[in-house]
Amino acid sequence: MPSSDLTARMYFDQGQTAFTRGDYSGAEEYFKKAVEKDPQYHEAHRFLAESFEKQGFAHRARNAWERLHRITRDTAEQAEIKKRIDAL
């Protein structure tokens, strides 16, 4: 679900643009800003974790996946996130 915080959504959109271009470092910065504005912003946490993975930052990716796991309520998604964590 998108954030109700317009600034967080703006950062998320910019992060997705950078991510799509393959600019994972730039995407990381935007996704960090999005989760700072809205700590419950599920999609921003997911893309932040994926940005870390794409850059080869396994420890940072693990931390980001663990944060997402804590805020996720859907048990099926929690299981999928747990698999991502275990794979790192």
PDB file of N, CA and C in Angstrom:
ATOM      1  N   MET A   1       0.839  -1.173   0.000  1.00  0.00           N
ATOM      2  CA  MET A   1       0.000   0.000   0.000  1.00  0.00           C
ATOM      3  C   MET A   1       0.891   1.245   0.000  1.00  0.00           C
ATOM      4  N   PRO A   2       0.585   2.195  -0.866  1.00  0.00           N
ATOM      5  CA  PRO A   2       1.381   3.424  -0.915  1.00  0.00           C
ATOM      6  C   PRO A   2       1.255   4.218   0.383  1.00  0.00           C
ATOM      7  N   SER A   3       2.244   5.021   0.628  1.00  0.00           N
ATOM      8  CA  SER A   3       2.244   5.869   1.812  1.00  0.00           C
ATOM      9  C   SER A   3       1.231   6.996   1.651  1.00  0.00           C
ATOM     10  N   SER A   4       0.668   7.429   2.772  1.00  0.00           N
ATOM     11  CA  SER A   4      -0.209   8.600   2.745  1.00  0.00           C
ATOM     12  C   SER A   4       0.614   9.890   2.799  1.00  0.00           C
ATOM     13  N   ASP A   5       1.903   9.770   3.081  1.00  0.00           N
ATOM     14  CA  ASP A   5       2.803  10.921   3.128  1.00  0.00           C
ATOM     15  C   ASP A   5       3.275  11.235   1.708  1.00  0.00           C
ATOM     16  N   LEU A   6       2.876  12.392   1.204  1.00  0.00           N
ATOM     17  CA  LEU A   6       3.202  12.748  -0.184  1.00  0.00           C
ATOM     18  C   LEU A   6       4.699  12.859  -0.426  1.00  0.00           C
ATOM     19  N   THR A   7       5.436  13.356   0.541  1.00  0.00           N
ATOM     20  CA  THR A   7       6.886  13.469   0.378  1.00  0.00           C
ATOM     21  C   THR A   7       7.518  12.085   0.309  1.00  0.00           C
ATOM     22  N   ALA A   8       7.060  11.172   1.151  1.00  0.00           N
ATOM     23  CA  ALA A   8       7.575   9.795   1.116  1.00  0.00           C
ATOM     24  C   ALA A   8       7.284   9.164  -0.240  1.00  0.00           C
ATOM     25  N   ARG A   9       6.091   9.390  -0.773  1.00  0.00           N
ATOM     26  CA  ARG A   9       5.745   8.829  -2.085  1.00  0.00           C
ATOM     27  C   ARG A   9       6.604   9.432  -3.187  1.00  0.00           C
ATOM     28  N   MET A  10       6.902  10.729  -3.083  1.00  0.00           N
ATOM     29  CA  MET A  10       7.761  11.376  -4.073  1.00  0.00           C
ATOM     30  C   MET A  10       9.151  10.735  -4.053  1.00  0.00           C
ATOM     31  N   TYR A  11       9.716  10.545  -2.849  1.00  0.00           N
ATOM     32  CA  TYR A  11      11.022   9.891  -2.748  1.00  0.00           C
ATOM     33  C   TYR A  11      10.966   8.467  -3.291  1.00  0.00           C
ATOM     34  N   PHE A  12       9.885   7.749  -2.981  1.00  0.00           N
ATOM     35  CA  PHE A  12       9.741   6.382  -3.474  1.00  0.00           C
ATOM     36  C   PHE A  12       9.717   6.360  -5.001  1.00  0.00           C
ATOM     37  N   ASP A  13       8.948   7.259  -5.605  1.00  0.00           N
ATOM     38  CA  ASP A  13       8.872   7.316  -7.072  1.00  0.00           C
ATOM     39  C   ASP A  13      10.239   7.605  -7.684  1.00  0.00           C
ATOM     40  N   GLN A  14      10.987   8.521  -7.077  1.00  0.00           N
ATOM     41  CA  GLN A  14      12.328   8.821  -7.572  1.00  0.00           C
ATOM     42  C   GLN A  14      13.247   7.615  -7.398  1.00  0.00           C
ATOM     43  N   GLY A  15      13.083   6.905  -6.299  1.00  0.00           N
ATOM     44  CA  GLY A  15      13.863   5.694  -6.076  1.00  0.00           C
ATOM     45  C   GLY A  15      13.561   4.624  -7.105  1.00  0.00           C
ATOM     46  N   GLN A  16      12.295   4.455  -7.438  1.00  0.00           N
ATOM     47  CA  GLN A  16      11.932   3.463  -8.452  1.00  0.00           C
ATOM     48  C   GLN A  16      12.522   3.821  -9.810  1.00  0.00           C
ATOM     49  N   THR A  17      12.521   5.103 -10.138  1.00  0.00           N
ATOM     50  CA  THR A  17      13.111   5.542 -11.402  1.00  0.00           C
ATOM     51  C   THR A  17      14.596   5.202 -11.432  1.00  0.00           C
ATOM     52  N   ALA A  18      15.302   5.518 -10.362  1.00  0.00           N
ATOM     53  CA  ALA A  18      16.737   5.203 -10.286  1.00  0.00           C
ATOM     54  C   ALA A  18      16.957   3.692 -10.336  1.00  0.00           C
ATOM     55  N   PHE A  19      16.148   2.925  -9.614  1.00  0.00           N
ATOM     56  CA  PHE A  19      16.272   1.469  -9.578  1.00  0.00           C
ATOM     57  C   PHE A  19      16.093   0.892 -10.978  1.00  0.00           C
ATOM     58  N   THR A  20      15.092   1.365 -11.693  1.00  0.00           N
ATOM     59  CA  THR A  20      14.816   0.886 -13.051  1.00  0.00           C
ATOM     60  C   THR A  20      15.977   1.181 -13.991  1.00  0.00           C
ATOM     61  N   ARG A  21      16.652   2.304 -13.773  1.00  0.00           N
ATOM     62  CA  ARG A  21      17.817   2.668 -14.591  1.00  0.00           C
ATOM     63  C   ARG A  21      19.062   1.876 -14.203  1.00  0.00           C
ATOM     64  N   GLY A  22      18.995   1.137 -13.117  1.00  0.00           N
ATOM     65  CA  GLY A  22      20.167   0.406 -12.648  1.00  0.00           C
ATOM     66  C   GLY A  22      21.051   1.223 -11.725  1.00  0.00           C
ATOM     67  N   ASP A  23      20.574   2.393 -11.318  1.00  0.00           N
ATOM     68  CA  ASP A  23      21.310   3.250 -10.387  1.00  0.00           C
ATOM     69  C   ASP A  23      20.901   2.863  -8.963  1.00  0.00           C
ATOM     70  N   TYR A  24      21.444   1.747  -8.477  1.00  0.00           N
ATOM     71  CA  TYR A  24      21.021   1.208  -7.190  1.00  0.00           C
ATOM     72  C   TYR A  24      21.483   2.059  -6.018  1.00  0.00           C
ATOM     73  N   SER A  25      22.617   2.716  -6.162  1.00  0.00           N
ATOM     74  CA  SER A  25      23.093   3.613  -5.114  1.00  0.00           C
ATOM     75  C   SER A  25      22.156   4.816  -4.981  1.00  0.00           C
ATOM     76  N   GLY A  26      21.787   5.396  -6.104  1.00  0.00           N
ATOM     77  CA  GLY A  26      20.840   6.510  -6.090  1.00  0.00           C
ATOM     78  C   GLY A  26      19.486   6.079  -5.557  1.00  0.00           C
ATOM     79  N   ALA A  27      19.041   4.899  -5.982  1.00  0.00           N
ATOM     80  CA  ALA A  27      17.764   4.364  -5.507  1.00  0.00           C
ATOM     81  C   ALA A  27      17.796   4.185  -3.994  1.00  0.00           C
ATOM     82  N   GLU A  28      18.901   3.662  -3.501  1.00  0.00           N
ATOM     83  CA  GLU A  28      19.061   3.460  -2.052  1.00  0.00           C
ATOM     84  C   GLU A  28      18.814   4.755  -1.292  1.00  0.00           C
ATOM     85  N   GLU A  29      19.398   5.839  -1.761  1.00  0.00           N
ATOM     86  CA  GLU A  29      19.251   7.126  -1.074  1.00  0.00           C
ATOM     87  C   GLU A  29      17.797   7.580  -1.046  1.00  0.00           C
ATOM     88  N   TYR A  30      17.102   7.439  -2.165  1.00  0.00           N
ATOM     89  CA  TYR A  30      15.692   7.838  -2.204  1.00  0.00           C
ATOM     90  C   TYR A  30      14.825   6.941  -1.326  1.00  0.00           C
ATOM     91  N   PHE A  31      15.063   5.638  -1.350  1.00  0.00           N
ATOM     92  CA  PHE A  31      14.266   4.735  -0.522  1.00  0.00           C
ATOM     93  C   PHE A  31      14.529   4.978   0.965  1.00  0.00           C
ATOM     94  N   LYS A  32      15.773   5.307   1.316  1.00  0.00           N
ATOM     95  CA  LYS A  32      16.077   5.655   2.711  1.00  0.00           C
ATOM     96  C   LYS A  32      15.268   6.877   3.143  1.00  0.00           C
ATOM     97  N   LYS A  33      15.212   7.885   2.280  1.00  0.00           N
ATOM     98  CA  LYS A  33      14.444   9.092   2.597  1.00  0.00           C
ATOM     99  C   LYS A  33      12.960   8.770   2.727  1.00  0.00           C
ATOM    100  N   ALA A  34      12.466   7.880   1.874  1.00  0.00           N
ATOM    101  CA  ALA A  34      11.048   7.503   1.933  1.00  0.00           C
ATOM    102  C   ALA A  34      10.715   6.832   3.265  1.00  0.00           C
ATOM    103  N   VAL A  35      11.577   5.914   3.722  1.00  0.00           N
ATOM    104  CA  VAL A  35      11.279   5.235   4.991  1.00  0.00           C
ATOM    105  C   VAL A  35      11.540   6.134   6.198  1.00  0.00           C
ATOM    106  N   GLU A  36      12.395   7.135   6.040  1.00  0.00           N
ATOM    107  CA  GLU A  36      12.563   8.119   7.116  1.00  0.00           C
ATOM    108  C   GLU A  36      11.281   8.928   7.285  1.00  0.00           C
ATOM    109  N   LYS A  37      10.658   9.293   6.165  1.00  0.00           N
ATOM    110  CA  LYS A  37       9.411  10.061   6.206  1.00  0.00           C
ATOM    111  C   LYS A  37       8.241   9.212   6.678  1.00  0.00           C
ATOM    112  N   ASP A  38       8.232   7.935   6.294  1.00  0.00           N
ATOM    113  CA  ASP A  38       7.144   7.025   6.672  1.00  0.00           C
ATOM    114  C   ASP A  38       7.740   5.662   7.022  1.00  0.00           C
ATOM    115  N   PRO A  39       8.054   5.433   8.293  1.00  0.00           N
ATOM    116  CA  PRO A  39       8.695   4.180   8.709  1.00  0.00           C
ATOM    117  C   PRO A  39       7.869   2.920   8.432  1.00  0.00           C
ATOM    118  N   GLN A  40       6.593   3.068   8.136  1.00  0.00           N
ATOM    119  CA  GLN A  40       5.736   1.917   7.838  1.00  0.00           C
ATOM    120  C   GLN A  40       5.548   1.706   6.335  1.00  0.00           C
ATOM    121  N   TYR A  41       6.318   2.416   5.518  1.00  0.00           N
ATOM    122  CA  TYR A  41       6.157   2.366   4.060  1.00  0.00           C
ATOM    123  C   TYR A  41       6.734   1.047   3.537  1.00  0.00           C
ATOM    124  N   HIS A  42       5.862   0.091   3.430  1.00  0.00           N
ATOM    125  CA  HIS A  42       6.205  -1.288   3.087  1.00  0.00           C
ATOM    126  C   HIS A  42       7.030  -1.392   1.801  1.00  0.00           C
ATOM    127  N   GLU A  43       6.533  -0.823   0.708  1.00  0.00           N
ATOM    128  CA  GLU A  43       7.202  -0.947  -0.585  1.00  0.00           C
ATOM    129  C   GLU A  43       8.582  -0.303  -0.577  1.00  0.00           C
ATOM    130  N   ALA A  44       8.728   0.801   0.151  1.00  0.00           N
ATOM    131  CA  ALA A  44      10.032   1.466   0.223  1.00  0.00           C
ATOM    132  C   ALA A  44      11.044   0.583   0.952  1.00  0.00           C
ATOM    133  N   HIS A  45      10.599  -0.086   2.009  1.00  0.00           N
ATOM    134  CA  HIS A  45      11.492  -1.020   2.710  1.00  0.00           C
ATOM    135  C   HIS A  45      11.920  -2.155   1.778  1.00  0.00           C
ATOM    136  N   ARG A  46      10.975  -2.688   1.022  1.00  0.00           N
ATOM    137  CA  ARG A  46      11.278  -3.796   0.102  1.00  0.00           C
ATOM    138  C   ARG A  46      12.307  -3.368  -0.948  1.00  0.00           C
ATOM    139  N   PHE A  47      12.069  -2.228  -1.569  1.00  0.00           N
ATOM    140  CA  PHE A  47      12.995  -1.778  -2.606  1.00  0.00           C
ATOM    141  C   PHE A  47      14.339  -1.354  -2.022  1.00  0.00           C
ATOM    142  N   LEU A  48      14.349  -0.857  -0.795  1.00  0.00           N
ATOM    143  CA  LEU A  48      15.618  -0.537  -0.140  1.00  0.00           C
ATOM    144  C   LEU A  48      16.433  -1.816   0.043  1.00  0.00           C
ATOM    145  N   ALA A  49      15.788  -2.868   0.515  1.00  0.00           N
ATOM    146  CA  ALA A  49      16.475  -4.155   0.685  1.00  0.00           C
ATOM    147  C   ALA A  49      17.001  -4.666  -0.652  1.00  0.00           C
ATOM    148  N   GLU A  50      16.183  -4.565  -1.687  1.00  0.00           N
ATOM    149  CA  GLU A  50      16.616  -5.035  -3.003  1.00  0.00           C
ATOM    150  C   GLU A  50      17.754  -4.180  -3.555  1.00  0.00           C
ATOM    151  N   SER A  51      17.736  -2.882  -3.269  1.00  0.00           N
ATOM    152  CA  SER A  51      18.833  -2.009  -3.702  1.00  0.00           C
ATOM    153  C   SER A  51      20.144  -2.424  -3.048  1.00  0.00           C
ATOM    154  N   PHE A  52      20.087  -2.731  -1.757  1.00  0.00           N
ATOM    155  CA  PHE A  52      21.285  -3.213  -1.068  1.00  0.00           C
ATOM    156  C   PHE A  52      21.776  -4.516  -1.689  1.00  0.00           C
ATOM    157  N   GLU A  53      20.859  -5.430  -1.971  1.00  0.00           N
ATOM    158  CA  GLU A  53      21.248  -6.704  -2.587  1.00  0.00           C
ATOM    159  C   GLU A  53      21.925  -6.477  -3.930  1.00  0.00           C
ATOM    160  N   LYS A  54      21.353  -5.617  -4.748  1.00  0.00           N
ATOM    161  CA  LYS A  54      21.907  -5.355  -6.084  1.00  0.00           C
ATOM    162  C   LYS A  54      23.318  -4.788  -6.002  1.00  0.00           C
ATOM    163  N   GLN A  55      23.627  -4.089  -4.903  1.00  0.00           N
ATOM    164  CA  GLN A  55      24.960  -3.513  -4.726  1.00  0.00           C
ATOM    165  C   GLN A  55      25.915  -4.479  -4.026  1.00  0.00           C
ATOM    166  N   GLY A  56      25.417  -5.644  -3.639  1.00  0.00           N
ATOM    167  CA  GLY A  56      26.256  -6.627  -2.969  1.00  0.00           C
ATOM    168  C   GLY A  56      26.437  -6.389  -1.481  1.00  0.00           C
ATOM    169  N   PHE A  57      25.569  -5.583  -0.879  1.00  0.00           N
ATOM    170  CA  PHE A  57      25.652  -5.274   0.550  1.00  0.00           C
ATOM    171  C   PHE A  57      24.747  -6.228   1.333  1.00  0.00           C
ATOM    172  N   ALA A  58      25.213  -7.452   1.526  1.00  0.00           N
ATOM    173  CA  ALA A  58      24.389  -8.493   2.148  1.00  0.00           C
ATOM    174  C   ALA A  58      23.953  -8.125   3.566  1.00  0.00           C
ATOM    175  N   HIS A  59      24.861  -7.572   4.366  1.00  0.00           N
ATOM    176  CA  HIS A  59      24.520  -7.233   5.753  1.00  0.00           C
ATOM    177  C   HIS A  59      23.434  -6.156   5.794  1.00  0.00           C
ATOM    178  N   ARG A  60      23.595  -5.127   4.976  1.00  0.00           N
ATOM    179  CA  ARG A  60      22.587  -4.061   4.928  1.00  0.00           C
ATOM    180  C   ARG A  60      21.260  -4.593   4.401  1.00  0.00           C
ATOM    181  N   ALA A  61      21.335  -5.460   3.397  1.00  0.00           N
ATOM    182  CA  ALA A  61      20.115  -6.058   2.844  1.00  0.00           C
ATOM    183  C   ALA A  61      19.396  -6.867   3.915  1.00  0.00           C
ATOM    184  N   ARG A  62      20.155  -7.661   4.658  1.00  0.00           N
ATOM    185  CA  ARG A  62      19.556  -8.471   5.731  1.00  0.00           C
ATOM    186  C   ARG A  62      18.834  -7.574   6.739  1.00  0.00           C
ATOM    187  N   ASN A  63      19.483  -6.498   7.153  1.00  0.00           N
ATOM    188  CA  ASN A  63      18.849  -5.576   8.108  1.00  0.00           C
ATOM    189  C   ASN A  63      17.568  -4.980   7.543  1.00  0.00           C
ATOM    190  N   ALA A  64      17.597  -4.604   6.272  1.00  0.00           N
ATOM    191  CA  ALA A  64      16.410  -4.019   5.644  1.00  0.00           C
ATOM    192  C   ALA A  64      15.285  -5.049   5.528  1.00  0.00           C
ATOM    193  N   TRP A  65      15.622  -6.279   5.141  1.00  0.00           N
ATOM    194  CA  TRP A  65      14.601  -7.339   5.074  1.00  0.00           C
ATOM    195  C   TRP A  65      14.028  -7.609   6.462  1.00  0.00           C
ATOM    196  N   GLU A  66      14.867  -7.597   7.485  1.00  0.00           N
ATOM    197  CA  GLU A  66      14.378  -7.842   8.849  1.00  0.00           C
ATOM    198  C   GLU A  66      13.433  -6.742   9.307  1.00  0.00           C
ATOM    199  N   ARG A  67      13.733  -5.484   8.957  1.00  0.00           N
ATOM    200  CA  ARG A  67      12.817  -4.386   9.288  1.00  0.00           C
ATOM    201  C   ARG A  67      11.480  -4.585   8.579  1.00  0.00           C
ATOM    202  N   LEU A  68      11.538  -4.974   7.304  1.00  0.00           N
ATOM    203  CA  LEU A  68      10.305  -5.214   6.553  1.00  0.00           C
ATOM    204  C   LEU A  68       9.522  -6.364   7.180  1.00  0.00           C
ATOM    205  N   HIS A  69      10.218  -7.405   7.585  1.00  0.00           N
ATOM    206  CA  HIS A  69       9.561  -8.560   8.214  1.00  0.00           C
ATOM    207  C   HIS A  69       8.786  -8.125   9.463  1.00  0.00           C
ATOM    208  N   ARG A  70       9.364  -7.213  10.237  1.00  0.00           N
ATOM    209  CA  ARG A  70       8.717  -6.741  11.466  1.00  0.00           C
ATOM    210  C   ARG A  70       7.440  -5.953  11.199  1.00  0.00           C
ATOM    211  N   ILE A  71       7.371  -5.226  10.090  1.00  0.00           N
ATOM    212  CA  ILE A  71       6.180  -4.404   9.842  1.00  0.00           C
ATOM    213  C   ILE A  71       5.153  -5.093   8.951  1.00  0.00           C
ATOM    214  N   THR A  72       5.485  -6.269   8.440  1.00  0.00           N
ATOM    215  CA  THR A  72       4.570  -6.991   7.558  1.00  0.00           C
ATOM    216  C   THR A  72       3.593  -7.814   8.381  1.00  0.00           C
ATOM    217  N   ARG A  73       2.316  -7.696   8.047  1.00  0.00           N
ATOM    218  CA  ARG A  73       1.283  -8.429   8.779  1.00  0.00           C
ATOM    219  C   ARG A  73       0.865  -9.715   8.069  1.00  0.00           C
ATOM    220  N   ASP A  74       1.043  -9.771   6.767  1.00  0.00           N
ATOM    221  CA  ASP A  74       0.626 -10.930   5.979  1.00  0.00           C
ATOM    222  C   ASP A  74       1.586 -12.098   6.215  1.00  0.00           C
ATOM    223  N   THR A  75       1.067 -13.218   6.690  1.00  0.00           N
ATOM    224  CA  THR A  75       1.936 -14.345   7.046  1.00  0.00           C
ATOM    225  C   THR A  75       2.610 -14.974   5.832  1.00  0.00           C
ATOM    226  N   ALA A  76       1.932 -15.010   4.694  1.00  0.00           N
ATOM    227  CA  ALA A  76       2.556 -15.560   3.484  1.00  0.00           C
ATOM    228  C   ALA A  76       3.725 -14.683   3.054  1.00  0.00           C
ATOM    229  N   GLU A  77       3.534 -13.383   3.139  1.00  0.00           N
ATOM    230  CA  GLU A  77       4.623 -12.472   2.777  1.00  0.00           C
ATOM    231  C   GLU A  77       5.760 -12.553   3.790  1.00  0.00           C
ATOM    232  N   GLN A  78       5.425 -12.716   5.059  1.00  0.00           N
ATOM    233  CA  GLN A  78       6.468 -12.887   6.067  1.00  0.00           C
ATOM    234  C   GLN A  78       7.327 -14.108   5.751  1.00  0.00           C
ATOM    235  N   ALA A  79       6.691 -15.182   5.303  1.00  0.00           N
ATOM    236  CA  ALA A  79       7.437 -16.399   4.949  1.00  0.00           C
ATOM    237  C   ALA A  79       8.358 -16.143   3.765  1.00  0.00           C
ATOM    238  N   GLU A  80       7.870 -15.390   2.780  1.00  0.00           N
ATOM    239  CA  GLU A  80       8.694 -15.064   1.609  1.00  0.00           C
ATOM    240  C   GLU A  80       9.880 -14.190   2.014  1.00  0.00           C
ATOM    241  N   ILE A  81       9.638 -13.224   2.882  1.00  0.00           N
ATOM    242  CA  ILE A  81      10.711 -12.351   3.364  1.00  0.00           C
ATOM    243  C   ILE A  81      11.733 -13.166   4.158  1.00  0.00           C
ATOM    244  N   LYS A  82      11.255 -14.085   4.972  1.00  0.00           N
ATOM    245  CA  LYS A  82      12.155 -14.952   5.753  1.00  0.00           C
ATOM    246  C   LYS A  82      13.066 -15.751   4.832  1.00  0.00           C
ATOM    247  N   LYS A  83      12.542 -16.225   3.716  1.00  0.00           N
ATOM    248  CA  LYS A  83      13.369 -16.943   2.736  1.00  0.00           C
ATOM    249  C   LYS A  83      14.451 -16.031   2.176  1.00  0.00           C
ATOM    250  N   ARG A  84      14.099 -14.777   1.918  1.00  0.00           N
ATOM    251  CA  ARG A  84      15.088 -13.821   1.406  1.00  0.00           C
ATOM    252  C   ARG A  84      16.186 -13.601   2.439  1.00  0.00           C
ATOM    253  N   ILE A  85      15.790 -13.478   3.701  1.00  0.00           N
ATOM    254  CA  ILE A  85      16.766 -13.278   4.777  1.00  0.00           C
ATOM    255  C   ILE A  85      17.692 -14.488   4.880  1.00  0.00           C
ATOM    256  N   ASP A  86      17.108 -15.668   4.865  1.00  0.00           N
ATOM    257  CA  ASP A  86      17.895 -16.898   5.001  1.00  0.00           C
ATOM    258  C   ASP A  86      18.849 -17.113   3.829  1.00  0.00           C
ATOM    259  N   ALA A  87      18.515 -16.566   2.669  1.00  0.00           N
ATOM    260  CA  ALA A  87      19.353 -16.739   1.478  1.00  0.00           C
ATOM    261  C   ALA A  87      20.592 -15.843   1.504  1.00  0.00           C
ATOM    262  N   LEU A  88      20.608 -14.867   2.394  1.00  0.00           N
ATOM    263  CA  LEU A  88      21.753 -13.940   2.446  1.00  0.00           C
ATOM    264  C   LEU A  88      22.896 -14.506   3.261  1.00  0.00           C
TER     265      LEU A  88
END
